[in-house]
PDB file of N, CA and C in Angstrom:
ATOM      1  N   MET A   1      36.445 -56.787  36.775  1.00  0.00           N
ATOM      2  CA  MET A   1      37.642 -56.158  37.119  1.00  0.00           C
ATOM      3  C   MET A   1      38.674 -56.447  36.314  1.00  0.00           C
ATOM      4  N   ALA A   2      39.531 -54.974  36.423  1.00  0.00           N
ATOM      5  CA  ALA A   2      40.601 -54.594  35.564  1.00  0.00           C
ATOM      6  C   ALA A   2      41.615 -55.036  36.411  1.00  0.00           C
ATOM      7  N   GLU A   3      41.817 -55.237  37.363  1.00  0.00           N
ATOM      8  CA  GLU A   3      43.168 -55.478  38.483  1.00  0.00           C
ATOM      9  C   GLU A   3      42.619 -55.713  39.912  1.00  0.00           C
ATOM     10  N   HIS A   4      43.016 -56.702  40.473  1.00  0.00           N
ATOM     11  CA  HIS A   4      42.745 -56.712  42.196  1.00  0.00           C
ATOM     12  C   HIS A   4      43.831 -56.430  42.748  1.00  0.00           C
ATOM     13  N   HIS A   5      44.048 -56.445  43.858  1.00  0.00           N
ATOM     14  CA  HIS A   5      45.155 -55.905  44.618  1.00  0.00           C
ATOM     15  C   HIS A   5      46.452 -57.026  44.664  1.00  0.00           C
ATOM     16  N   ASP A   6      46.401 -57.721  43.570  1.00  0.00           N
ATOM     17  CA  ASP A   6      47.530 -58.740  43.620  1.00  0.00           C
ATOM     18  C   ASP A   6      48.557 -58.245  42.430  1.00  0.00           C
ATOM     19  N   GLY A   7      48.045 -57.252  41.668  1.00  0.00           N
ATOM     20  CA  GLY A   7      48.977 -56.449  40.653  1.00  0.00           C
ATOM     21  C   GLY A   7      49.250 -57.250  39.473  1.00  0.00           C
ATOM     22  N   TYR A   8      48.245 -58.376  39.018  1.00  0.00           N
ATOM     23  CA  TYR A   8      47.940 -58.630  37.736  1.00  0.00           C
ATOM     24  C   TYR A   8      47.031 -58.015  37.395  1.00  0.00           C
ATOM     25  N   ALA A   9      47.148 -57.408  35.829  1.00  0.00           N
ATOM     26  CA  ALA A   9      46.297 -56.772  34.898  1.00  0.00           C
ATOM     27  C   ALA A   9      45.711 -57.643  34.343  1.00  0.00           C
ATOM     28  N   MET A  10      44.400 -57.614  34.139  1.00  0.00           N
ATOM     29  CA  MET A  10      43.600 -58.044  33.381  1.00  0.00           C
ATOM     30  C   MET A  10      43.300 -57.935  31.297  1.00  0.00           C
ATOM     31  N   TRP A  11      44.164 -56.911  31.381  1.00  0.00           N
ATOM     32  CA  TRP A  11      44.349 -56.224  29.734  1.00  0.00           C
ATOM     33  C   TRP A  11      45.988 -56.441  29.316  1.00  0.00           C
ATOM     34  N   ASP A  12      45.995 -56.148  28.070  1.00  0.00           N
ATOM     35  CA  ASP A  12      47.148 -56.215  27.615  1.00  0.00           C
ATOM     36  C   ASP A  12      47.818 -55.114  27.682  1.00  0.00           C
ATOM     37  N   SER A  13      48.530 -54.760  28.926  1.00  0.00           N
ATOM     38  CA  SER A  13      49.319 -53.893  29.572  1.00  0.00           C
ATOM     39  C   SER A  13      50.528 -53.618  28.957  1.00  0.00           C
ATOM     40  N   GLU A  14      50.729 -52.341  28.599  1.00  0.00           N
ATOM     41  CA  GLU A  14      52.177 -52.005  28.151  1.00  0.00           C
ATOM     42  C   GLU A  14      52.984 -51.605  29.428  1.00  0.00           C
ATOM     43  N   LEU A  15      52.712 -51.307  30.601  1.00  0.00           N
ATOM     44  CA  LEU A  15      53.227 -51.285  31.670  1.00  0.00           C
ATOM     45  C   LEU A  15      53.964 -51.835  32.675  1.00  0.00           C
ATOM     46  N   THR A  16      53.479 -53.152  32.592  1.00  0.00           N
ATOM     47  CA  THR A  16      53.654 -54.236  33.547  1.00  0.00           C
ATOM     48  C   THR A  16      53.858 -55.477  32.925  1.00  0.00           C
ATOM     49  N   PRO A  17      54.883 -56.369  32.861  1.00  0.00           N
ATOM     50  CA  PRO A  17      54.859 -57.652  32.328  1.00  0.00           C
ATOM     51  C   PRO A  17      53.974 -58.683  33.192  1.00  0.00           C
ATOM     52  N   TRP A  18      53.238 -58.240  33.954  1.00  0.00           N
ATOM     53  CA  TRP A  18      52.553 -59.036  34.743  1.00  0.00           C
ATOM     54  C   TRP A  18      50.757 -58.615  34.077  1.00  0.00           C
ATOM     55  N   ASN A  19      50.261 -59.228  33.035  1.00  0.00           N
ATOM     56  CA  ASN A  19      49.183 -59.155  32.405  1.00  0.00           C
ATOM     57  C   ASN A  19      48.662 -60.241  31.611  1.00  0.00           C
ATOM     58  N   ALA A  20      47.218 -60.385  31.528  1.00  0.00           N
ATOM     59  CA  ALA A  20      46.584 -61.766  30.769  1.00  0.00           C
ATOM     60  C   ALA A  20      47.178 -61.920  29.675  1.00  0.00           C
ATOM     61  N   LYS A  21      47.603 -61.000  28.817  1.00  0.00           N
ATOM     62  CA  LYS A  21      48.239 -61.377  27.589  1.00  0.00           C
ATOM     63  C   LYS A  21      49.699 -61.430  27.427  1.00  0.00           C
ATOM     64  N   ASP A  22      50.394 -61.299  28.129  1.00  0.00           N
ATOM     65  CA  ASP A  22      51.781 -61.727  28.061  1.00  0.00           C
ATOM     66  C   ASP A  22      52.155 -62.857  28.852  1.00  0.00           C
ATOM     67  N   THR A  23      50.920 -62.982  30.026  1.00  0.00           N
ATOM     68  CA  THR A  23      51.232 -64.917  30.606  1.00  0.00           C
ATOM     69  C   THR A  23      50.106 -65.347  30.727  1.00  0.00           C
ATOM     70  N   GLY A  24      50.001 -66.418  31.445  1.00  0.00           N
ATOM     71  CA  GLY A  24      48.888 -66.866  31.621  1.00  0.00           C
ATOM     72  C   GLY A  24      48.600 -67.406  30.339  1.00  0.00           C
ATOM     73  N   SER A  25      46.912 -66.742  30.180  1.00  0.00           N
ATOM     74  CA  SER A  25      46.106 -67.354  29.133  1.00  0.00           C
ATOM     75  C   SER A  25      46.340 -66.603  27.811  1.00  0.00           C
ATOM     76  N   LYS A  26      47.596 -65.849  27.988  1.00  0.00           N
ATOM     77  CA  LYS A  26      48.012 -65.153  26.736  1.00  0.00           C
ATOM     78  C   LYS A  26      46.643 -64.213  25.980  1.00  0.00           C
ATOM     79  N   ARG A  27      45.744 -63.717  26.748  1.00  0.00           N
ATOM     80  CA  ARG A  27      44.471 -63.360  26.327  1.00  0.00           C
ATOM     81  C   ARG A  27      44.187 -61.741  26.599  1.00  0.00           C
ATOM     82  N   ASP A  28      43.704 -60.907  26.115  1.00  0.00           N
ATOM     83  CA  ASP A  28      43.181 -59.673  26.543  1.00  0.00           C
ATOM     84  C   ASP A  28      41.747 -60.258  27.495  1.00  0.00           C
ATOM     85  N   ILE A  29      42.101 -60.230  28.500  1.00  0.00           N
ATOM     86  CA  ILE A  29      40.542 -60.645  29.182  1.00  0.00           C
ATOM     87  C   ILE A  29      39.587 -59.361  29.024  1.00  0.00           C
ATOM     88  N   LEU A  30      40.022 -58.514  29.429  1.00  0.00           N
ATOM     89  CA  LEU A  30      39.142 -57.330  29.808  1.00  0.00           C
ATOM     90  C   LEU A  30      38.865 -56.865  28.268  1.00  0.00           C
ATOM     91  N   GLY A  31      39.492 -56.974  27.438  1.00  0.00           N
ATOM     92  CA  GLY A  31      39.242 -56.401  26.066  1.00  0.00           C
ATOM     93  C   GLY A  31      38.379 -57.234  25.010  1.00  0.00           C
ATOM     94  N   GLU A  32      38.095 -58.437  25.942  1.00  0.00           N
ATOM     95  CA  GLU A  32      37.402 -59.469  25.011  1.00  0.00           C
ATOM     96  C   GLU A  32      36.031 -59.440  25.541  1.00  0.00           C
ATOM     97  N   LEU A  33      35.674 -59.114  27.255  1.00  0.00           N
ATOM     98  CA  LEU A  33      34.601 -58.663  27.805  1.00  0.00           C
ATOM     99  C   LEU A  33      34.115 -57.565  27.348  1.00  0.00           C
ATOM    100  N   PHE A  34      34.743 -56.799  27.091  1.00  0.00           N
ATOM    101  CA  PHE A  34      34.304 -55.063  26.702  1.00  0.00           C
ATOM    102  C   PHE A  34      33.440 -55.319  25.050  1.00  0.00           C
ATOM    103  N   THR A  35      34.204 -56.165  24.241  1.00  0.00           N
ATOM    104  CA  THR A  35      33.670 -56.170  23.038  1.00  0.00           C
ATOM    105  C   THR A  35      32.446 -56.984  23.214  1.00  0.00           C
ATOM    106  N   ALA A  36      32.532 -58.150  23.680  1.00  0.00           N
ATOM    107  CA  ALA A  36      31.171 -58.820  24.048  1.00  0.00           C
ATOM    108  C   ALA A  36      30.090 -58.059  24.283  1.00  0.00           C
ATOM    109  N   LEU A  37      30.499 -57.344  25.493  1.00  0.00           N
ATOM    110  CA  LEU A  37      29.383 -56.205  26.443  1.00  0.00           C
ATOM    111  C   LEU A  37      28.775 -55.169  25.255  1.00  0.00           C
ATOM    112  N   GLU A  38      29.856 -54.677  24.359  1.00  0.00           N
ATOM    113  CA  GLU A  38      29.481 -53.574  23.454  1.00  0.00           C
ATOM    114  C   GLU A  38      28.507 -54.236  22.529  1.00  0.00           C
ATOM    115  N   ARG A  39      28.783 -55.418  22.174  1.00  0.00           N
ATOM    116  CA  ARG A  39      28.064 -55.722  20.874  1.00  0.00           C
ATOM    117  C   ARG A  39      26.640 -55.896  21.520  1.00  0.00           C
ATOM    118  N   ARG A  40      26.386 -55.997  22.908  1.00  0.00           N
ATOM    119  CA  ARG A  40      25.064 -56.191  23.145  1.00  0.00           C
ATOM    120  C   ARG A  40      24.695 -54.871  23.512  1.00  0.00           C
ATOM    121  N   GLU A  41      25.303 -54.012  23.498  1.00  0.00           N
ATOM    122  CA  GLU A  41      24.870 -52.496  23.819  1.00  0.00           C
ATOM    123  C   GLU A  41      24.827 -52.421  25.588  1.00  0.00           C
ATOM    124  N   LEU A  42      25.683 -52.761  26.182  1.00  0.00           N
ATOM    125  CA  LEU A  42      25.496 -52.806  27.692  1.00  0.00           C
ATOM    126  C   LEU A  42      26.900 -51.988  27.805  1.00  0.00           C
ATOM    127  N   LYS A  43      26.571 -51.529  28.649  1.00  0.00           N
ATOM    128  CA  LYS A  43      27.839 -50.376  29.547  1.00  0.00           C
ATOM    129  C   LYS A  43      28.891 -51.341  30.019  1.00  0.00           C
ATOM    130  N   THR A  44      29.820 -50.606  30.065  1.00  0.00           N
ATOM    131  CA  THR A  44      31.305 -51.496  30.553  1.00  0.00           C
ATOM    132  C   THR A  44      31.958 -50.746  31.613  1.00  0.00           C
ATOM    133  N   ILE A  45      32.471 -51.238  32.734  1.00  0.00           N
ATOM    134  CA  ILE A  45      33.153 -50.754  33.929  1.00  0.00           C
ATOM    135  C   ILE A  45      34.175 -51.179  34.241  1.00  0.00           C
ATOM    136  N   ALA A  46      35.362 -50.709  34.627  1.00  0.00           N
ATOM    137  CA  ALA A  46      37.059 -51.005  34.850  1.00  0.00           C
ATOM    138  C   ALA A  46      37.047 -50.876  36.424  1.00  0.00           C
ATOM    139  N   THR A  47      37.148 -51.636  37.119  1.00  0.00           N
ATOM    140  CA  THR A  47      37.237 -51.422  38.585  1.00  0.00           C
ATOM    141  C   THR A  47      38.810 -51.885  38.969  1.00  0.00           C
ATOM    142  N   PHE A  48      39.478 -51.135  39.519  1.00  0.00           N
ATOM    143  CA  PHE A  48      40.916 -51.116  40.319  1.00  0.00           C
ATOM    144  C   PHE A  48      41.146 -51.227  41.755  1.00  0.00           C
ATOM    145  N   HIS A  49      41.474 -52.401  41.627  1.00  0.00           N
ATOM    146  CA  HIS A  49      41.698 -52.381  43.377  1.00  0.00           C
ATOM    147  C   HIS A  49      43.250 -52.488  44.327  1.00  0.00           C
ATOM    148  N   HIS A  50      44.151 -52.279  42.791  1.00  0.00           N
ATOM    149  CA  HIS A  50      45.266 -52.024  43.173  1.00  0.00           C
ATOM    150  C   HIS A  50      46.087 -50.886  44.091  1.00  0.00           C
ATOM    151  N   ALA A  51      45.302 -50.097  44.469  1.00  0.00           N
ATOM    152  CA  ALA A  51      45.615 -49.155  45.265  1.00  0.00           C
ATOM    153  C   ALA A  51      45.933 -49.559  46.977  1.00  0.00           C
ATOM    154  N   ARG A  52      45.121 -50.539  47.190  1.00  0.00           N
ATOM    155  CA  ARG A  52      45.364 -51.616  48.295  1.00  0.00           C
ATOM    156  C   ARG A  52      46.679 -51.568  48.867  1.00  0.00           C
ATOM    157  N   ASN A  53      47.373 -51.374  47.953  1.00  0.00           N
ATOM    158  CA  ASN A  53      48.871 -51.977  48.128  1.00  0.00           C
ATOM    159  C   ASN A  53      49.680 -51.158  48.931  1.00  0.00           C
ATOM    160  N   LEU A  54      49.105 -49.712  49.049  1.00  0.00           N
ATOM    161  CA  LEU A  54      49.838 -48.458  49.626  1.00  0.00           C
ATOM    162  C   LEU A  54      48.816 -48.553  50.863  1.00  0.00           C
ATOM    163  N   ALA A  55      47.881 -48.891  51.163  1.00  0.00           N
ATOM    164  CA  ALA A  55      46.735 -48.810  52.109  1.00  0.00           C
ATOM    165  C   ALA A  55      47.519 -49.373  53.427  1.00  0.00           C
ATOM    166  N   PRO A  56      47.434 -48.146  54.313  1.00  0.00           N
ATOM    167  CA  PRO A  56      48.071 -48.610  55.521  1.00  0.00           C
ATOM    168  C   PRO A  56      47.482 -49.827  56.523  1.00  0.00           C
ATOM    169  N   LEU A  57      48.205 -50.270  57.404  1.00  0.00           N
ATOM    170  CA  LEU A  57      47.956 -51.332  58.094  1.00  0.00           C
ATOM    171  C   LEU A  57      47.470 -51.104  59.067  1.00  0.00           C
ATOM    172  N   PRO A  58      46.264 -51.457  60.138  1.00  0.00           N
ATOM    173  CA  PRO A  58      46.090 -50.772  61.289  1.00  0.00           C
ATOM    174  C   PRO A  58      47.546 -51.024  62.351  1.00  0.00           C
ATOM    175  N   SER A  59      48.326 -51.759  62.056  1.00  0.00           N
ATOM    176  CA  SER A  59      49.629 -52.193  62.496  1.00  0.00           C
ATOM    177  C   SER A  59      50.696 -51.674  62.451  1.00  0.00           C
ATOM    178  N   GLY A  60      50.690 -50.362  61.268  1.00  0.00           N
ATOM    179  CA  GLY A  60      51.507 -49.652  60.893  1.00  0.00           C
ATOM    180  C   GLY A  60      51.979 -50.603  59.394  1.00  0.00           C
ATOM    181  N   GLY A  61      52.657 -49.789  58.775  1.00  0.00           N
ATOM    182  CA  GLY A  61      53.056 -50.363  57.364  1.00  0.00           C
ATOM    183  C   GLY A  61      52.158 -50.230  56.490  1.00  0.00           C
ATOM    184  N   ARG A  62      52.537 -51.275  55.292  1.00  0.00           N
ATOM    185  CA  ARG A  62      51.730 -51.004  54.153  1.00  0.00           C
ATOM    186  C   ARG A  62      50.847 -52.291  54.042  1.00  0.00           C
ATOM    187  N   HIS A  63      49.909 -52.320  53.274  1.00  0.00           N
ATOM    188  CA  HIS A  63      49.207 -53.650  53.155  1.00  0.00           C
ATOM    189  C   HIS A  63      49.545 -54.824  52.560  1.00  0.00           C
ATOM    190  N   HIS A  64      49.133 -55.597  53.128  1.00  0.00           N
ATOM    191  CA  HIS A  64      49.453 -57.417  53.014  1.00  0.00           C
ATOM    192  C   HIS A  64      51.037 -57.502  53.180  1.00  0.00           C
ATOM    193  N   ALA A  65      51.348 -58.151  52.144  1.00  0.00           N
ATOM    194  CA  ALA A  65      52.946 -58.621  52.329  1.00  0.00           C
ATOM    195  C   ALA A  65      54.027 -57.669  51.862  1.00  0.00           C
ATOM    196  N   THR A  66      53.696 -56.431  51.244  1.00  0.00           N
ATOM    197  CA  THR A  66      54.472 -55.408  50.605  1.00  0.00           C
ATOM    198  C   THR A  66      55.682 -54.955  51.549  1.00  0.00           C
ATOM    199  N   ALA A  67      55.572 -55.198  52.859  1.00  0.00           N
ATOM    200  CA  ALA A  67      56.643 -54.577  53.470  1.00  0.00           C
ATOM    201  C   ALA A  67      57.366 -55.852  54.320  1.00  0.00           C
ATOM    202  N   GLN A  68      56.917 -57.251  54.119  1.00  0.00           N
ATOM    203  CA  GLN A  68      57.355 -58.408  55.181  1.00  0.00           C
ATOM    204  C   GLN A  68      58.668 -59.078  54.667  1.00  0.00           C
ATOM    205  N   PRO A  69      59.584 -58.510  55.240  1.00  0.00           N
ATOM    206  CA  PRO A  69      61.396 -58.894  54.999  1.00  0.00           C
ATOM    207  C   PRO A  69      61.085 -60.334  54.545  1.00  0.00           C
ATOM    208  N   GLY A  70      61.879 -61.177  53.493  1.00  0.00           N
ATOM    209  CA  GLY A  70      61.755 -62.254  53.228  1.00  0.00           C
ATOM    210  C   GLY A  70      60.711 -62.531  52.380  1.00  0.00           C
ATOM    211  N   MET A  71      59.873 -61.915  52.179  1.00  0.00           N
ATOM    212  CA  MET A  71      58.724 -62.498  51.209  1.00  0.00           C
ATOM    213  C   MET A  71      58.678 -61.816  49.711  1.00  0.00           C
ATOM    214  N   PRO A  72      58.410 -62.419  49.166  1.00  0.00           N
ATOM    215  CA  PRO A  72      58.385 -62.125  47.664  1.00  0.00           C
ATOM    216  C   PRO A  72      58.101 -60.731  47.169  1.00  0.00           C
ATOM    217  N   PRO A  73      57.092 -60.257  47.926  1.00  0.00           N
ATOM    218  CA  PRO A  73      56.649 -58.963  47.505  1.00  0.00           C
ATOM    219  C   PRO A  73      57.820 -57.744  48.037  1.00  0.00           C
ATOM    220  N   HIS A  74      58.394 -58.197  49.055  1.00  0.00           N
ATOM    221  CA  HIS A  74      59.692 -57.365  49.546  1.00  0.00           C
ATOM    222  C   HIS A  74      61.005 -57.305  48.507  1.00  0.00           C
ATOM    223  N   SER A  75      61.086 -58.067  47.207  1.00  0.00           N
ATOM    224  CA  SER A  75      62.197 -58.310  46.565  1.00  0.00           C
ATOM    225  C   SER A  75      62.755 -57.275  45.913  1.00  0.00           C
ATOM    226  N   ASP A  76      63.908 -57.174  45.631  1.00  0.00           N
ATOM    227  CA  ASP A  76      64.592 -56.071  44.958  1.00  0.00           C
ATOM    228  C   ASP A  76      64.345 -56.348  43.315  1.00  0.00           C
ATOM    229  N   ASP A  77      64.109 -57.471  43.279  1.00  0.00           N
ATOM    230  CA  ASP A  77      63.410 -57.843  42.014  1.00  0.00           C
ATOM    231  C   ASP A  77      62.610 -56.837  41.056  1.00  0.00           C
ATOM    232  N   PRO A  78      62.834 -56.089  39.910  1.00  0.00           N
ATOM    233  CA  PRO A  78      62.341 -55.385  39.385  1.00  0.00           C
ATOM    234  C   PRO A  78      60.791 -55.454  38.935  1.00  0.00           C
ATOM    235  N   ASP A  79      60.640 -56.972  38.317  1.00  0.00           N
ATOM    236  CA  ASP A  79      59.607 -57.248  38.247  1.00  0.00           C
ATOM    237  C   ASP A  79      58.664 -57.622  39.418  1.00  0.00           C
ATOM    238  N   LEU A  80      59.229 -58.150  40.150  1.00  0.00           N
ATOM    239  CA  LEU A  80      57.873 -58.601  41.350  1.00  0.00           C
ATOM    240  C   LEU A  80      57.625 -57.151  42.564  1.00  0.00           C
ATOM    241  N   ARG A  81      58.555 -56.152  41.919  1.00  0.00           N
ATOM    242  CA  ARG A  81      58.380 -55.090  42.586  1.00  0.00           C
ATOM    243  C   ARG A  81      57.183 -54.343  41.908  1.00  0.00           C
ATOM    244  N   LEU A  82      57.027 -54.295  40.575  1.00  0.00           N
ATOM    245  CA  LEU A  82      55.904 -54.274  39.862  1.00  0.00           C
ATOM    246  C   LEU A  82      54.414 -54.829  40.074  1.00  0.00           C
ATOM    247  N   LEU A  83      54.917 -56.217  40.149  1.00  0.00           N
ATOM    248  CA  LEU A  83      53.586 -57.055  40.376  1.00  0.00           C
ATOM    249  C   LEU A  83      53.166 -56.515  41.913  1.00  0.00           C
ATOM    250  N   TYR A  84      53.725 -56.651  42.815  1.00  0.00           N
ATOM    251  CA  TYR A  84      53.337 -56.318  44.124  1.00  0.00           C
ATOM    252  C   TYR A  84      53.082 -54.695  44.647  1.00  0.00           C
ATOM    253  N   GLY A  85      53.556 -53.876  43.845  1.00  0.00           N
ATOM    254  CA  GLY A  85      53.359 -52.383  44.246  1.00  0.00           C
ATOM    255  C   GLY A  85      54.595 -52.100  45.007  1.00  0.00           C
ATOM    256  N   ASN A  86      55.701 -52.667  45.276  1.00  0.00           N
ATOM    257  CA  ASN A  86      56.539 -52.653  46.277  1.00  0.00           C
ATOM    258  C   ASN A  86      57.501 -51.642  45.591  1.00  0.00           C
ATOM    259  N   LEU A  87      57.105 -50.189  45.621  1.00  0.00           N
ATOM    260  CA  LEU A  87      57.918 -49.117  45.081  1.00  0.00           C
ATOM    261  C   LEU A  87      57.524 -47.964  46.135  1.00  0.00           C
ATOM    262  N   PRO A  88      58.232 -46.866  45.863  1.00  0.00           N
ATOM    263  CA  PRO A  88      58.133 -46.051  46.866  1.00  0.00           C
ATOM    264  C   PRO A  88      56.854 -45.090  46.287  1.00  0.00           C
ATOM    265  N   PRO A  89      55.905 -44.890  47.476  1.00  0.00           N
ATOM    266  CA  PRO A  89      54.774 -44.180  47.092  1.00  0.00           C
ATOM    267  C   PRO A  89      54.164 -43.274  46.050  1.00  0.00           C
ATOM    268  N   GLU A  90      55.528 -42.290  45.881  1.00  0.00           N
ATOM    269  CA  GLU A  90      55.303 -41.279  44.644  1.00  0.00           C
ATOM    270  C   GLU A  90      55.483 -41.875  43.519  1.00  0.00           C
ATOM    271  N   ALA A  91      56.742 -42.745  43.302  1.00  0.00           N
ATOM    272  CA  ALA A  91      56.990 -43.596  41.979  1.00  0.00           C
ATOM    273  C   ALA A  91      55.629 -44.402  41.752  1.00  0.00           C
ATOM    274  N   TRP A  92      54.836 -45.044  42.875  1.00  0.00           N
ATOM    275  CA  TRP A  92      54.170 -45.700  42.442  1.00  0.00           C
ATOM    276  C   TRP A  92      52.579 -45.127  42.164  1.00  0.00           C
ATOM    277  N   TYR A  93      52.262 -44.611  42.602  1.00  0.00           N
ATOM    278  CA  TYR A  93      51.213 -43.346  42.090  1.00  0.00           C
ATOM    279  C   TYR A  93      51.260 -42.778  40.791  1.00  0.00           C
ATOM    280  N   GLU A  94      52.159 -42.577  40.562  1.00  0.00           N
ATOM    281  CA  GLU A  94      52.597 -42.043  39.095  1.00  0.00           C
ATOM    282  C   GLU A  94      52.587 -42.781  38.025  1.00  0.00           C
ATOM    283  N   ASN A  95      53.701 -44.076  38.306  1.00  0.00           N
ATOM    284  CA  ASN A  95      53.969 -44.947  37.304  1.00  0.00           C
ATOM    285  C   ASN A  95      53.213 -46.326  37.296  1.00  0.00           C
ATOM    286  N   ILE A  96      52.482 -46.617  38.150  1.00  0.00           N
ATOM    287  CA  ILE A  96      51.709 -47.530  38.155  1.00  0.00           C
ATOM    288  C   ILE A  96      50.418 -47.142  38.516  1.00  0.00           C
ATOM    289  N   TRP A  97      49.670 -46.719  39.770  1.00  0.00           N
ATOM    290  CA  TRP A  97      48.230 -46.191  39.732  1.00  0.00           C
ATOM    291  C   TRP A  97      47.743 -45.470  38.781  1.00  0.00           C
ATOM    292  N   SER A  98      48.417 -44.309  38.740  1.00  0.00           N
ATOM    293  CA  SER A  98      47.680 -43.524  37.650  1.00  0.00           C
ATOM    294  C   SER A  98      47.650 -43.679  36.220  1.00  0.00           C
ATOM    295  N   ALA A  99      48.879 -44.318  35.908  1.00  0.00           N
ATOM    296  CA  ALA A  99      49.332 -44.767  34.562  1.00  0.00           C
ATOM    297  C   ALA A  99      48.510 -45.997  34.250  1.00  0.00           C
ATOM    298  N   LYS A 100      47.988 -47.118  35.090  1.00  0.00           N
ATOM    299  CA  LYS A 100      47.259 -48.389  34.528  1.00  0.00           C
ATOM    300  C   LYS A 100      45.701 -47.424  34.512  1.00  0.00           C
ATOM    301  N   LEU A 101      45.486 -46.443  35.104  1.00  0.00           N
ATOM    302  CA  LEU A 101      43.721 -46.222  35.167  1.00  0.00           C
ATOM    303  C   LEU A 101      43.829 -45.365  33.583  1.00  0.00           C
ATOM    304  N   THR A 102      45.113 -44.518  33.406  1.00  0.00           N
ATOM    305  CA  THR A 102      44.878 -43.975  32.213  1.00  0.00           C
ATOM    306  C   THR A 102      45.168 -44.969  30.965  1.00  0.00           C
ATOM    307  N   GLU A 103      45.816 -45.927  30.957  1.00  0.00           N
ATOM    308  CA  GLU A 103      46.117 -46.872  30.312  1.00  0.00           C
ATOM    309  C   GLU A 103      44.671 -47.293  29.632  1.00  0.00           C
ATOM    310  N   VAL A 104      44.056 -47.919  30.714  1.00  0.00           N
ATOM    311  CA  VAL A 104      43.040 -48.517  30.502  1.00  0.00           C
ATOM    312  C   VAL A 104      41.651 -47.539  30.037  1.00  0.00           C
ATOM    313  N   ILE A 105      41.797 -46.280  30.602  1.00  0.00           N
ATOM    314  CA  ILE A 105      40.543 -45.418  30.171  1.00  0.00           C
ATOM    315  C   ILE A 105      40.912 -45.108  28.531  1.00  0.00           C
ATOM    316  N   ASP A 106      42.002 -44.944  28.113  1.00  0.00           N
ATOM    317  CA  ASP A 106      42.147 -44.452  26.727  1.00  0.00           C
ATOM    318  C   ASP A 106      42.311 -45.717  25.659  1.00  0.00           C
ATOM    319  N   ARG A 107      42.436 -46.924  26.398  1.00  0.00           N
ATOM    320  CA  ARG A 107      42.301 -48.199  25.483  1.00  0.00           C
ATOM    321  C   ARG A 107      41.002 -48.523  25.163  1.00  0.00           C
ATOM    322  N   TYR A 108      40.044 -48.782  26.092  1.00  0.00           N
ATOM    323  CA  TYR A 108      38.884 -49.207  26.041  1.00  0.00           C
ATOM    324  C   TYR A 108      37.969 -47.933  26.318  1.00  0.00           C
ATOM    325  N   ARG A 109      36.800 -47.806  25.631  1.00  0.00           N
ATOM    326  CA  ARG A 109      35.656 -46.809  25.706  1.00  0.00           C
ATOM    327  C   ARG A 109      34.636 -47.443  26.707  1.00  0.00           C
ATOM    328  N   LEU A 110      35.086 -47.157  28.147  1.00  0.00           N
ATOM    329  CA  LEU A 110      34.594 -47.413  29.446  1.00  0.00           C
ATOM    330  C   LEU A 110      33.328 -46.298  29.226  1.00  0.00           C
ATOM    331  N   SER A 111      32.345 -46.961  30.363  1.00  0.00           N
ATOM    332  CA  SER A 111      31.210 -46.223  30.504  1.00  0.00           C
ATOM    333  C   SER A 111      31.500 -45.151  31.921  1.00  0.00           C
ATOM    334  N   ALA A 112      32.398 -46.426  32.614  1.00  0.00           N
ATOM    335  CA  ALA A 112      32.554 -45.722  34.125  1.00  0.00           C
ATOM    336  C   ALA A 112      33.977 -46.460  34.457  1.00  0.00           C
ATOM    337  N   HIS A 113      34.337 -45.882  35.596  1.00  0.00           N
ATOM    338  CA  HIS A 113      35.674 -46.716  36.265  1.00  0.00           C
ATOM    339  C   HIS A 113      35.842 -46.352  37.517  1.00  0.00           C
ATOM    340  N   TYR A 114      36.372 -47.454  38.593  1.00  0.00           N
ATOM    341  CA  TYR A 114      35.953 -47.216  40.090  1.00  0.00           C
ATOM    342  C   TYR A 114      37.274 -47.267  40.174  1.00  0.00           C
ATOM    343  N   PRO A 115      38.241 -46.652  40.745  1.00  0.00           N
ATOM    344  CA  PRO A 115      39.607 -46.975  41.599  1.00  0.00           C
ATOM    345  C   PRO A 115      38.970 -46.964  43.173  1.00  0.00           C
ATOM    346  N   ASN A 116      39.449 -47.896  43.849  1.00  0.00           N
ATOM    347  CA  ASN A 116      39.021 -48.011  45.015  1.00  0.00           C
ATOM    348  C   ASN A 116      39.481 -46.697  45.895  1.00  0.00           C
ATOM    349  N   ARG A 117      39.126 -46.570  46.811  1.00  0.00           N
ATOM    350  CA  ARG A 117      39.346 -45.299  47.683  1.00  0.00           C
ATOM    351  C   ARG A 117      40.145 -45.574  48.751  1.00  0.00           C
ATOM    352  N   ALA A 118      40.993 -46.386  48.665  1.00  0.00           N
ATOM    353  CA  ALA A 118      42.579 -46.378  49.437  1.00  0.00           C
ATOM    354  C   ALA A 118      43.500 -45.855  48.861  1.00  0.00           C
ATOM    355  N   ALA A 119      43.068 -45.131  47.456  1.00  0.00           N
ATOM    356  CA  ALA A 119      44.357 -44.932  46.481  1.00  0.00           C
ATOM    357  C   ALA A 119      45.329 -43.716  47.452  1.00  0.00           C
ATOM    358  N   HIS A 120      44.765 -42.838  48.601  1.00  0.00           N
ATOM    359  CA  HIS A 120      45.630 -42.394  48.830  1.00  0.00           C
ATOM    360  C   HIS A 120      45.577 -42.436  50.669  1.00  0.00           C
ATOM    361  N   GLY A 121      45.715 -43.632  50.880  1.00  0.00           N
ATOM    362  CA  GLY A 121      45.793 -44.176  52.129  1.00  0.00           C
ATOM    363  C   GLY A 121      44.767 -44.028  52.845  1.00  0.00           C
ATOM    364  N   GLU A 122      43.774 -43.976  52.693  1.00  0.00           N
ATOM    365  CA  GLU A 122      42.425 -43.855  53.286  1.00  0.00           C
ATOM    366  C   GLU A 122      42.135 -45.244  53.963  1.00  0.00           C
TER     367      GLU A 122
END
């Protein structure tokens, strides 16, 4: 999984400070995994679940805590907004959703990628 819907990238991303290379393990987890798989001539796939951040809730509003006043995802802090996807939908699709897919596809030789279907509010 390249990224779950927590906004934390498991690769060395230039798009967000919330990535495994710059924080946490200080390693490019996705890159290391793909290198090991390719050495064994196995196929690689990257899955992305970050589109869930914009998925509508049954009760209205957006997914999980992104629209809950007083919670960290609702912050005006630009770094936290990147982590939780708390951006206007148009900016988020172009600067986060599409840009992260493109970054991983361009950087790693993927056999396939799987963006979750909630990307367009389904």
